[in-house]
């Protein structure tokens, strides 16, 4: 509550109350919070260097706390930011997913990883009880990447 010393009437000694909100401290606090979040946001992302293949599929909404499993080009596994062995994958996934086997696991694999190695990791996930697996790729605009292969004509032989 603020007051004013200017007289309200010609002989009054009363202090007039000013009913206005001072928003300057509120704006200062909001700007400080904005700066804190701008600095903290890049630190909260997973940053494992991997060359992902591209896809033209429509992007799906991302959950609040995704569980990323990355298969790097040297065939090592990374869960979130931490390296994990294939033997400890089931227990580490249980910790990351908080024991919920319905959690979707986002599987990222380097572009150079063979199909067989990717299937071995998917088998490890299935054996651990995680059946909801989403494959992660880079988003591409149709026509911007490699041209799609032409369909063979009906009379052509392979």
N, C-alpha and C. Protein backbone atom coordinates (compact mmCIF):
# COMPACT_ATOMS: atom_id res chain seq x y z
N UNK A 1 0.85 -1.16 0.00
CA UNK A 1 0.00 0.00 0.00
C UNK A 1 0.90 1.22 0.00
N UNK A 2 0.61 2.19 -0.83
CA UNK A 2 1.43 3.39 -0.93
C UNK A 2 0.62 4.60 -0.52
N UNK A 3 1.28 5.66 -0.16
CA UNK A 3 0.58 6.89 0.25
C UNK A 3 1.13 8.09 -0.49
N UNK A 4 0.39 9.15 -0.46
CA UNK A 4 0.78 10.38 -1.13
C UNK A 4 0.67 11.51 -0.11
N UNK A 5 1.62 12.42 -0.11
CA UNK A 5 1.60 13.52 0.84
C UNK A 5 0.91 14.76 0.30
N UNK A 6 0.45 14.74 -0.91
CA UNK A 6 -0.25 15.90 -1.45
C UNK A 6 -1.63 15.98 -0.81
N UNK A 7 -2.05 17.16 -0.37
CA UNK A 7 -3.35 17.28 0.30
C UNK A 7 -4.49 16.98 -0.64
N UNK A 8 -5.51 16.29 -0.07
CA UNK A 8 -6.68 15.94 -0.87
C UNK A 8 -7.64 17.14 -0.95
N UNK A 9 -7.74 17.86 0.11
CA UNK A 9 -8.60 19.06 0.11
C UNK A 9 -7.79 20.23 0.65
N UNK A 10 -8.38 21.37 0.70
CA UNK A 10 -7.66 22.59 1.04
C UNK A 10 -7.07 22.57 2.45
N UNK A 11 -7.64 21.98 3.42
CA UNK A 11 -7.08 22.00 4.76
C UNK A 11 -6.87 20.64 5.34
N UNK A 12 -6.81 19.59 4.55
CA UNK A 12 -6.75 18.23 5.08
C UNK A 12 -5.35 17.77 5.38
N UNK A 13 -5.21 17.03 6.48
CA UNK A 13 -3.93 16.45 6.84
C UNK A 13 -3.87 14.95 6.51
N UNK A 14 -4.87 14.42 5.87
CA UNK A 14 -4.94 12.99 5.60
C UNK A 14 -4.01 12.61 4.45
N UNK A 15 -3.46 11.41 4.56
CA UNK A 15 -2.61 10.88 3.49
C UNK A 15 -3.50 10.07 2.56
N UNK A 16 -3.43 10.38 1.29
CA UNK A 16 -4.25 9.69 0.29
C UNK A 16 -3.58 8.39 -0.14
N UNK A 17 -4.32 7.30 -0.14
CA UNK A 17 -3.79 6.01 -0.57
C UNK A 17 -3.80 5.93 -2.09
N UNK A 18 -2.72 5.38 -2.63
CA UNK A 18 -2.62 5.19 -4.07
C UNK A 18 -2.87 3.71 -4.34
N UNK A 19 -3.86 3.41 -5.16
CA UNK A 19 -4.24 2.02 -5.44
C UNK A 19 -3.69 1.58 -6.79
N UNK A 20 -2.39 1.60 -6.92
CA UNK A 20 -1.74 1.16 -8.15
C UNK A 20 -0.69 0.10 -7.79
N UNK A 21 -0.51 -0.85 -8.67
CA UNK A 21 0.48 -1.90 -8.45
C UNK A 21 1.77 -1.49 -9.16
N UNK A 22 2.86 -1.60 -8.45
CA UNK A 22 4.16 -1.31 -9.04
C UNK A 22 4.67 -2.60 -9.69
N UNK A 23 4.68 -2.66 -11.01
CA UNK A 23 5.04 -3.89 -11.72
C UNK A 23 6.53 -3.99 -12.06
N UNK A 24 7.30 -2.96 -11.75
CA UNK A 24 8.72 -2.99 -12.08
C UNK A 24 9.45 -4.15 -11.39
N UNK A 25 9.27 -4.42 -10.09
CA UNK A 25 9.95 -5.58 -9.51
C UNK A 25 9.49 -6.91 -10.13
N UNK A 26 8.23 -7.00 -10.50
CA UNK A 26 7.72 -8.22 -11.13
C UNK A 26 8.41 -8.46 -12.47
N UNK A 27 8.58 -7.41 -13.25
CA UNK A 27 9.24 -7.52 -14.55
C UNK A 27 10.70 -7.91 -14.36
N UNK A 28 11.36 -7.34 -13.34
CA UNK A 28 12.77 -7.69 -13.07
C UNK A 28 12.91 -9.17 -12.73
N UNK A 29 12.01 -9.68 -11.89
CA UNK A 29 12.05 -11.09 -11.53
C UNK A 29 11.82 -11.96 -12.75
N UNK A 30 10.88 -11.60 -13.60
CA UNK A 30 10.59 -12.39 -14.80
C UNK A 30 11.79 -12.41 -15.75
N UNK A 31 12.48 -11.29 -15.90
CA UNK A 31 13.65 -11.26 -16.78
C UNK A 31 14.78 -12.13 -16.23
N UNK A 32 14.98 -12.13 -14.92
CA UNK A 32 16.00 -12.99 -14.32
C UNK A 32 15.65 -14.46 -14.54
N UNK A 33 14.37 -14.83 -14.35
CA UNK A 33 13.95 -16.21 -14.58
C UNK A 33 14.13 -16.60 -16.04
N UNK A 34 13.83 -15.68 -16.95
CA UNK A 34 14.01 -15.96 -18.38
C UNK A 34 15.47 -16.26 -18.69
N UNK A 35 16.37 -15.49 -18.13
CA UNK A 35 17.80 -15.71 -18.38
C UNK A 35 18.24 -17.05 -17.79
N UNK A 36 17.74 -17.38 -16.60
CA UNK A 36 18.10 -18.66 -15.98
C UNK A 36 17.64 -19.82 -16.86
N UNK A 37 16.41 -19.77 -17.37
CA UNK A 37 15.91 -20.86 -18.21
C UNK A 37 16.63 -20.91 -19.55
N UNK A 38 17.02 -19.77 -20.09
CA UNK A 38 17.75 -19.76 -21.36
C UNK A 38 19.12 -20.43 -21.20
N UNK A 39 19.72 -20.28 -20.03
CA UNK A 39 21.02 -20.91 -19.79
C UNK A 39 20.86 -22.38 -19.46
N UNK A 40 19.83 -22.73 -18.68
CA UNK A 40 19.66 -24.11 -18.21
C UNK A 40 19.08 -25.04 -19.27
N UNK A 41 18.30 -24.55 -20.21
CA UNK A 41 17.63 -25.40 -21.20
C UNK A 41 18.60 -26.20 -22.07
N UNK A 42 19.66 -25.60 -22.62
CA UNK A 42 20.58 -26.41 -23.44
C UNK A 42 21.32 -27.46 -22.63
N UNK A 43 21.48 -27.26 -21.34
CA UNK A 43 22.19 -28.24 -20.51
C UNK A 43 21.35 -29.47 -20.24
N UNK A 44 20.03 -29.37 -20.40
CA UNK A 44 19.14 -30.48 -20.07
C UNK A 44 18.91 -31.42 -21.25
N UNK A 45 19.48 -31.16 -22.40
CA UNK A 45 19.26 -32.00 -23.57
C UNK A 45 20.30 -33.10 -23.63
N UNK A 46 19.93 -34.20 -24.27
CA UNK A 46 20.85 -35.31 -24.48
C UNK A 46 21.71 -34.97 -25.68
N UNK A 47 23.02 -35.08 -25.51
CA UNK A 47 23.91 -34.70 -26.60
C UNK A 47 24.95 -35.79 -26.82
N UNK A 48 24.52 -36.87 -27.46
CA UNK A 48 25.42 -37.95 -27.83
C UNK A 48 25.65 -37.82 -29.33
N UNK A 49 26.89 -37.68 -29.78
CA UNK A 49 27.13 -37.50 -31.21
C UNK A 49 26.83 -38.79 -31.98
N UNK A 50 25.85 -38.72 -32.87
CA UNK A 50 25.48 -39.87 -33.68
C UNK A 50 24.89 -39.33 -34.98
N UNK A 51 25.23 -39.95 -36.11
CA UNK A 51 24.69 -39.56 -37.41
C UNK A 51 23.42 -40.35 -37.66
N UNK A 52 22.26 -39.66 -37.54
CA UNK A 52 20.99 -40.33 -37.72
C UNK A 52 20.56 -40.31 -39.18
N UNK A 53 19.92 -41.37 -39.65
CA UNK A 53 19.38 -41.33 -41.01
C UNK A 53 18.16 -40.42 -41.05
N UNK A 54 17.80 -39.95 -42.22
CA UNK A 54 16.67 -39.03 -42.37
C UNK A 54 15.37 -39.76 -42.64
N UNK A 55 14.26 -39.07 -42.39
CA UNK A 55 12.93 -39.62 -42.63
C UNK A 55 11.99 -38.49 -43.00
N UNK A 56 11.03 -38.77 -43.86
CA UNK A 56 10.04 -37.76 -44.23
C UNK A 56 8.71 -37.99 -43.51
N UNK A 57 8.68 -38.88 -42.53
CA UNK A 57 7.45 -39.13 -41.77
C UNK A 57 7.12 -37.92 -40.91
N UNK A 58 5.83 -37.76 -40.61
CA UNK A 58 5.40 -36.64 -39.78
C UNK A 58 5.93 -36.83 -38.36
N UNK A 59 6.49 -35.78 -37.76
CA UNK A 59 7.03 -35.92 -36.41
C UNK A 59 5.91 -36.17 -35.39
N UNK A 60 6.21 -37.01 -34.40
CA UNK A 60 5.25 -37.34 -33.35
C UNK A 60 5.53 -36.48 -32.12
N UNK A 61 4.52 -36.26 -31.28
CA UNK A 61 4.76 -35.47 -30.07
C UNK A 61 5.73 -36.19 -29.14
N UNK A 62 6.53 -35.41 -28.46
CA UNK A 62 7.56 -35.96 -27.59
C UNK A 62 7.05 -36.00 -26.15
N UNK A 63 7.27 -37.09 -25.44
CA UNK A 63 6.83 -37.15 -24.04
C UNK A 63 7.66 -36.23 -23.15
N UNK A 64 7.16 -36.02 -21.93
CA UNK A 64 7.83 -35.10 -21.01
C UNK A 64 9.23 -35.58 -20.65
N UNK A 65 9.40 -36.87 -20.34
CA UNK A 65 10.70 -37.43 -19.99
C UNK A 65 11.01 -38.63 -20.87
N UNK A 66 11.50 -38.40 -22.09
CA UNK A 66 11.78 -39.54 -22.98
C UNK A 66 12.99 -40.34 -22.51
N UNK A 67 12.97 -41.65 -22.82
CA UNK A 67 14.09 -42.53 -22.52
C UNK A 67 14.77 -42.85 -23.85
N UNK A 68 15.98 -42.32 -24.03
CA UNK A 68 16.72 -42.52 -25.27
C UNK A 68 17.76 -43.62 -25.09
N UNK A 69 17.79 -44.56 -26.02
CA UNK A 69 18.83 -45.57 -26.10
C UNK A 69 19.53 -45.36 -27.43
N UNK A 70 20.84 -45.14 -27.40
CA UNK A 70 21.59 -44.83 -28.61
C UNK A 70 22.56 -45.96 -28.92
N UNK A 71 22.54 -46.41 -30.17
CA UNK A 71 23.50 -47.39 -30.67
C UNK A 71 24.48 -46.63 -31.56
N UNK A 72 25.70 -46.46 -31.05
CA UNK A 72 26.70 -45.66 -31.76
C UNK A 72 27.35 -46.48 -32.87
N UNK A 73 28.16 -45.82 -33.69
CA UNK A 73 28.79 -46.48 -34.83
C UNK A 73 29.78 -47.57 -34.41
N UNK A 74 30.35 -47.48 -33.20
CA UNK A 74 31.25 -48.53 -32.71
C UNK A 74 30.47 -49.63 -31.98
N UNK A 75 29.15 -49.65 -32.12
CA UNK A 75 28.21 -50.64 -31.57
C UNK A 75 28.10 -50.59 -30.04
N UNK A 76 28.57 -49.49 -29.44
CA UNK A 76 28.39 -49.31 -28.00
C UNK A 76 27.01 -48.69 -27.75
N UNK A 77 26.47 -48.94 -26.56
CA UNK A 77 25.15 -48.45 -26.19
C UNK A 77 25.27 -47.29 -25.21
N UNK A 78 24.39 -46.30 -25.36
CA UNK A 78 24.33 -45.17 -24.44
C UNK A 78 22.87 -44.99 -24.05
N UNK A 79 22.59 -45.02 -22.76
CA UNK A 79 21.24 -44.82 -22.24
C UNK A 79 21.18 -43.41 -21.67
N UNK A 80 20.43 -42.54 -22.35
CA UNK A 80 20.44 -41.12 -21.97
C UNK A 80 21.78 -40.54 -22.33
N UNK A 81 22.58 -40.19 -21.30
CA UNK A 81 23.94 -39.67 -21.51
C UNK A 81 25.01 -40.66 -21.05
N UNK A 82 24.60 -41.76 -20.43
CA UNK A 82 25.56 -42.66 -19.80
C UNK A 82 25.78 -43.93 -20.61
N UNK A 83 27.04 -44.33 -20.80
CA UNK A 83 27.31 -45.60 -21.49
C UNK A 83 26.78 -46.77 -20.66
N UNK A 84 26.29 -47.80 -21.35
CA UNK A 84 25.74 -48.97 -20.67
C UNK A 84 26.18 -50.21 -21.44
N UNK A 85 26.46 -51.28 -20.69
CA UNK A 85 26.82 -52.54 -21.35
C UNK A 85 25.54 -53.29 -21.72
N UNK A 86 25.67 -54.21 -22.63
CA UNK A 86 24.50 -54.98 -23.05
C UNK A 86 23.98 -55.85 -21.90
N UNK A 87 24.88 -56.31 -21.04
CA UNK A 87 24.48 -57.14 -19.91
C UNK A 87 23.68 -56.35 -18.88
N UNK A 88 24.02 -55.08 -18.68
CA UNK A 88 23.36 -54.25 -17.67
C UNK A 88 22.21 -53.44 -18.25
N UNK A 89 21.89 -53.65 -19.53
CA UNK A 89 20.86 -52.84 -20.18
C UNK A 89 19.50 -52.99 -19.50
N UNK A 90 19.09 -54.20 -19.19
CA UNK A 90 17.76 -54.42 -18.61
C UNK A 90 17.62 -53.71 -17.27
N UNK A 91 18.62 -53.82 -16.40
CA UNK A 91 18.52 -53.18 -15.09
C UNK A 91 18.58 -51.66 -15.20
N UNK A 92 19.44 -51.13 -16.09
CA UNK A 92 19.53 -49.69 -16.26
C UNK A 92 18.26 -49.12 -16.90
N UNK A 93 17.66 -49.88 -17.82
CA UNK A 93 16.38 -49.44 -18.40
C UNK A 93 15.29 -49.41 -17.33
N UNK A 94 15.30 -50.39 -16.42
CA UNK A 94 14.33 -50.40 -15.34
C UNK A 94 14.44 -49.16 -14.47
N UNK A 95 15.68 -48.72 -14.22
CA UNK A 95 15.88 -47.50 -13.43
C UNK A 95 15.43 -46.27 -14.21
N UNK A 96 15.77 -46.20 -15.50
CA UNK A 96 15.42 -45.02 -16.30
C UNK A 96 13.92 -44.91 -16.53
N UNK A 97 13.24 -46.05 -16.69
CA UNK A 97 11.80 -46.05 -16.95
C UNK A 97 11.00 -46.18 -15.66
N UNK A 98 11.68 -46.18 -14.52
CA UNK A 98 11.04 -46.29 -13.20
C UNK A 98 10.21 -47.57 -13.09
N UNK A 99 10.70 -48.65 -13.69
CA UNK A 99 10.04 -49.94 -13.59
C UNK A 99 8.81 -50.13 -14.46
N UNK A 100 8.44 -49.12 -15.24
CA UNK A 100 7.24 -49.20 -16.08
C UNK A 100 7.62 -49.78 -17.44
N UNK A 101 7.18 -51.01 -17.73
CA UNK A 101 7.51 -51.66 -19.00
C UNK A 101 6.67 -51.13 -20.15
N UNK A 102 5.70 -50.26 -19.88
CA UNK A 102 4.90 -49.64 -20.92
C UNK A 102 5.54 -48.35 -21.45
N UNK A 103 6.66 -47.96 -20.86
CA UNK A 103 7.37 -46.76 -21.30
C UNK A 103 7.90 -46.96 -22.71
N UNK A 104 7.72 -45.96 -23.56
CA UNK A 104 8.24 -46.02 -24.93
C UNK A 104 9.74 -45.71 -24.89
N UNK A 105 10.53 -46.59 -25.49
CA UNK A 105 11.98 -46.41 -25.57
C UNK A 105 12.30 -45.84 -26.95
N UNK A 106 12.97 -44.71 -26.98
CA UNK A 106 13.35 -44.07 -28.24
C UNK A 106 14.74 -44.57 -28.62
N UNK A 107 14.78 -45.38 -29.69
CA UNK A 107 16.03 -46.02 -30.12
C UNK A 107 16.63 -45.20 -31.27
N UNK A 108 17.85 -44.74 -31.01
CA UNK A 108 18.59 -43.99 -32.03
C UNK A 108 19.79 -44.82 -32.43
N UNK A 109 20.01 -44.96 -33.73
CA UNK A 109 21.15 -45.73 -34.21
C UNK A 109 21.91 -44.91 -35.25
N UNK A 110 23.20 -45.03 -35.20
CA UNK A 110 24.04 -44.35 -36.18
C UNK A 110 23.71 -44.87 -37.57
N UNK A 111 23.87 -44.03 -38.55
CA UNK A 111 23.55 -44.38 -39.94
C UNK A 111 24.39 -45.54 -40.45
N UNK A 112 25.59 -45.71 -39.89
CA UNK A 112 26.50 -46.75 -40.38
C UNK A 112 26.27 -48.11 -39.73
N UNK A 113 25.39 -48.18 -38.73
CA UNK A 113 25.12 -49.44 -38.04
C UNK A 113 24.31 -50.36 -38.95
N UNK A 114 24.71 -51.61 -39.01
CA UNK A 114 24.02 -52.59 -39.84
C UNK A 114 22.67 -52.99 -39.26
N UNK A 115 21.83 -53.49 -40.13
CA UNK A 115 20.47 -53.90 -39.75
C UNK A 115 20.51 -55.02 -38.70
N UNK A 116 21.42 -55.95 -38.84
CA UNK A 116 21.53 -57.05 -37.91
C UNK A 116 21.86 -56.59 -36.49
N UNK A 117 22.77 -55.63 -36.38
CA UNK A 117 23.13 -55.10 -35.06
C UNK A 117 21.96 -54.35 -34.43
N UNK A 118 21.20 -53.62 -35.24
CA UNK A 118 20.02 -52.93 -34.73
C UNK A 118 18.99 -53.93 -34.22
N UNK A 119 18.83 -55.03 -34.93
CA UNK A 119 17.87 -56.05 -34.50
C UNK A 119 18.33 -56.73 -33.21
N UNK A 120 19.64 -56.89 -33.01
CA UNK A 120 20.14 -57.46 -31.76
C UNK A 120 19.78 -56.57 -30.57
N UNK A 121 19.90 -55.27 -30.76
CA UNK A 121 19.53 -54.34 -29.68
C UNK A 121 18.02 -54.38 -29.44
N UNK A 122 17.24 -54.47 -30.50
CA UNK A 122 15.79 -54.57 -30.33
C UNK A 122 15.41 -55.87 -29.63
N UNK A 123 16.16 -56.96 -29.89
CA UNK A 123 15.93 -58.21 -29.17
C UNK A 123 16.26 -58.07 -27.69
N UNK A 124 17.32 -57.31 -27.37
CA UNK A 124 17.65 -57.05 -25.97
C UNK A 124 16.52 -56.29 -25.28
N UNK A 125 15.94 -55.32 -26.00
CA UNK A 125 14.81 -54.55 -25.43
C UNK A 125 13.61 -55.46 -25.20
N UNK A 126 13.33 -56.34 -26.16
CA UNK A 126 12.19 -57.25 -26.04
C UNK A 126 12.42 -58.21 -24.88
N UNK A 127 13.63 -58.72 -24.76
CA UNK A 127 13.95 -59.64 -23.66
C UNK A 127 13.83 -58.95 -22.30
N UNK A 128 14.10 -57.65 -22.26
CA UNK A 128 13.98 -56.89 -21.01
C UNK A 128 12.53 -56.53 -20.71
N UNK A 129 11.61 -56.78 -21.67
CA UNK A 129 10.19 -56.52 -21.43
C UNK A 129 9.69 -55.21 -21.98
N UNK A 130 10.50 -54.50 -22.75
CA UNK A 130 10.10 -53.22 -23.34
C UNK A 130 9.71 -53.46 -24.79
N UNK A 131 8.40 -53.44 -25.04
CA UNK A 131 7.89 -53.75 -26.37
C UNK A 131 7.53 -52.49 -27.17
N UNK A 132 7.45 -51.37 -26.50
CA UNK A 132 7.15 -50.11 -27.19
C UNK A 132 8.45 -49.41 -27.53
N UNK A 133 8.88 -49.56 -28.77
CA UNK A 133 10.14 -48.99 -29.22
C UNK A 133 9.85 -48.05 -30.38
N UNK A 134 10.37 -46.85 -30.30
CA UNK A 134 10.23 -45.87 -31.38
C UNK A 134 11.61 -45.63 -31.98
N UNK A 135 11.70 -45.70 -33.29
CA UNK A 135 12.96 -45.45 -33.98
C UNK A 135 13.06 -43.95 -34.26
N UNK A 136 14.21 -43.37 -33.96
CA UNK A 136 14.42 -41.93 -34.10
C UNK A 136 15.27 -41.68 -35.34
N UNK A 137 14.87 -40.70 -36.13
CA UNK A 137 15.63 -40.29 -37.31
C UNK A 137 15.56 -38.79 -37.46
N UNK A 138 16.38 -38.26 -38.35
CA UNK A 138 16.34 -36.84 -38.64
C UNK A 138 15.15 -36.52 -39.53
N UNK A 139 14.55 -35.39 -39.28
CA UNK A 139 13.41 -34.96 -40.09
C UNK A 139 13.92 -34.36 -41.40
N UNK A 140 13.35 -34.81 -42.52
CA UNK A 140 13.73 -34.28 -43.83
C UNK A 140 12.48 -33.79 -44.54
N UNK A 141 12.66 -32.76 -45.32
CA UNK A 141 11.58 -32.27 -46.15
C UNK A 141 11.53 -33.13 -47.40
N UNK A 142 10.33 -33.61 -47.81
CA UNK A 142 10.27 -34.45 -49.01
C UNK A 142 10.87 -33.70 -50.22
N UNK A 143 11.73 -34.38 -50.95
CA UNK A 143 12.35 -33.80 -52.14
C UNK A 143 13.68 -33.13 -51.82
N UNK A 144 13.96 -32.85 -50.54
CA UNK A 144 15.22 -32.18 -50.19
C UNK A 144 16.38 -33.17 -50.12
N UNK A 145 16.10 -34.41 -49.76
CA UNK A 145 17.17 -35.43 -49.63
C UNK A 145 17.35 -36.16 -50.93
N UNK A 146 17.66 -37.41 -50.83
CA UNK A 146 17.85 -38.25 -52.01
C UNK A 146 16.51 -38.48 -52.69
N UNK A 147 16.54 -38.53 -53.99
CA UNK A 147 15.30 -38.75 -54.75
C UNK A 147 14.83 -40.18 -54.54
N UNK A 148 13.51 -40.38 -54.41
CA UNK A 148 13.01 -41.75 -54.24
C UNK A 148 13.26 -42.56 -55.50
N UNK A 149 13.49 -43.84 -55.31
CA UNK A 149 13.77 -44.73 -56.44
C UNK A 149 12.53 -44.84 -57.32
N UNK A 150 12.75 -44.85 -58.61
CA UNK A 150 11.63 -44.95 -59.54
C UNK A 150 11.06 -46.35 -59.50
N UNK A 151 9.74 -46.44 -59.56
CA UNK A 151 9.07 -47.75 -59.54
C UNK A 151 9.29 -48.43 -60.89
N UNK A 152 9.58 -49.73 -60.87
CA UNK A 152 9.80 -50.41 -62.13
C UNK A 152 8.49 -50.50 -62.91
N UNK A 153 8.61 -50.50 -64.20
CA UNK A 153 7.42 -50.61 -65.04
C UNK A 153 6.90 -52.04 -64.98
N UNK A 154 5.60 -52.28 -65.26
CA UNK A 154 5.04 -53.61 -65.13
C UNK A 154 5.74 -54.68 -65.96
N UNK A 155 6.33 -54.33 -67.10
CA UNK A 155 6.96 -55.31 -67.95
C UNK A 155 8.45 -55.52 -67.67
N UNK A 156 9.00 -54.71 -66.76
CA UNK A 156 10.45 -54.78 -66.51
C UNK A 156 10.77 -55.98 -65.63
N UNK A 157 11.96 -56.53 -65.86
CA UNK A 157 12.44 -57.64 -65.03
C UNK A 157 13.48 -57.10 -64.06
N UNK A 158 13.49 -57.63 -62.85
CA UNK A 158 14.49 -57.17 -61.89
C UNK A 158 15.87 -57.67 -62.21
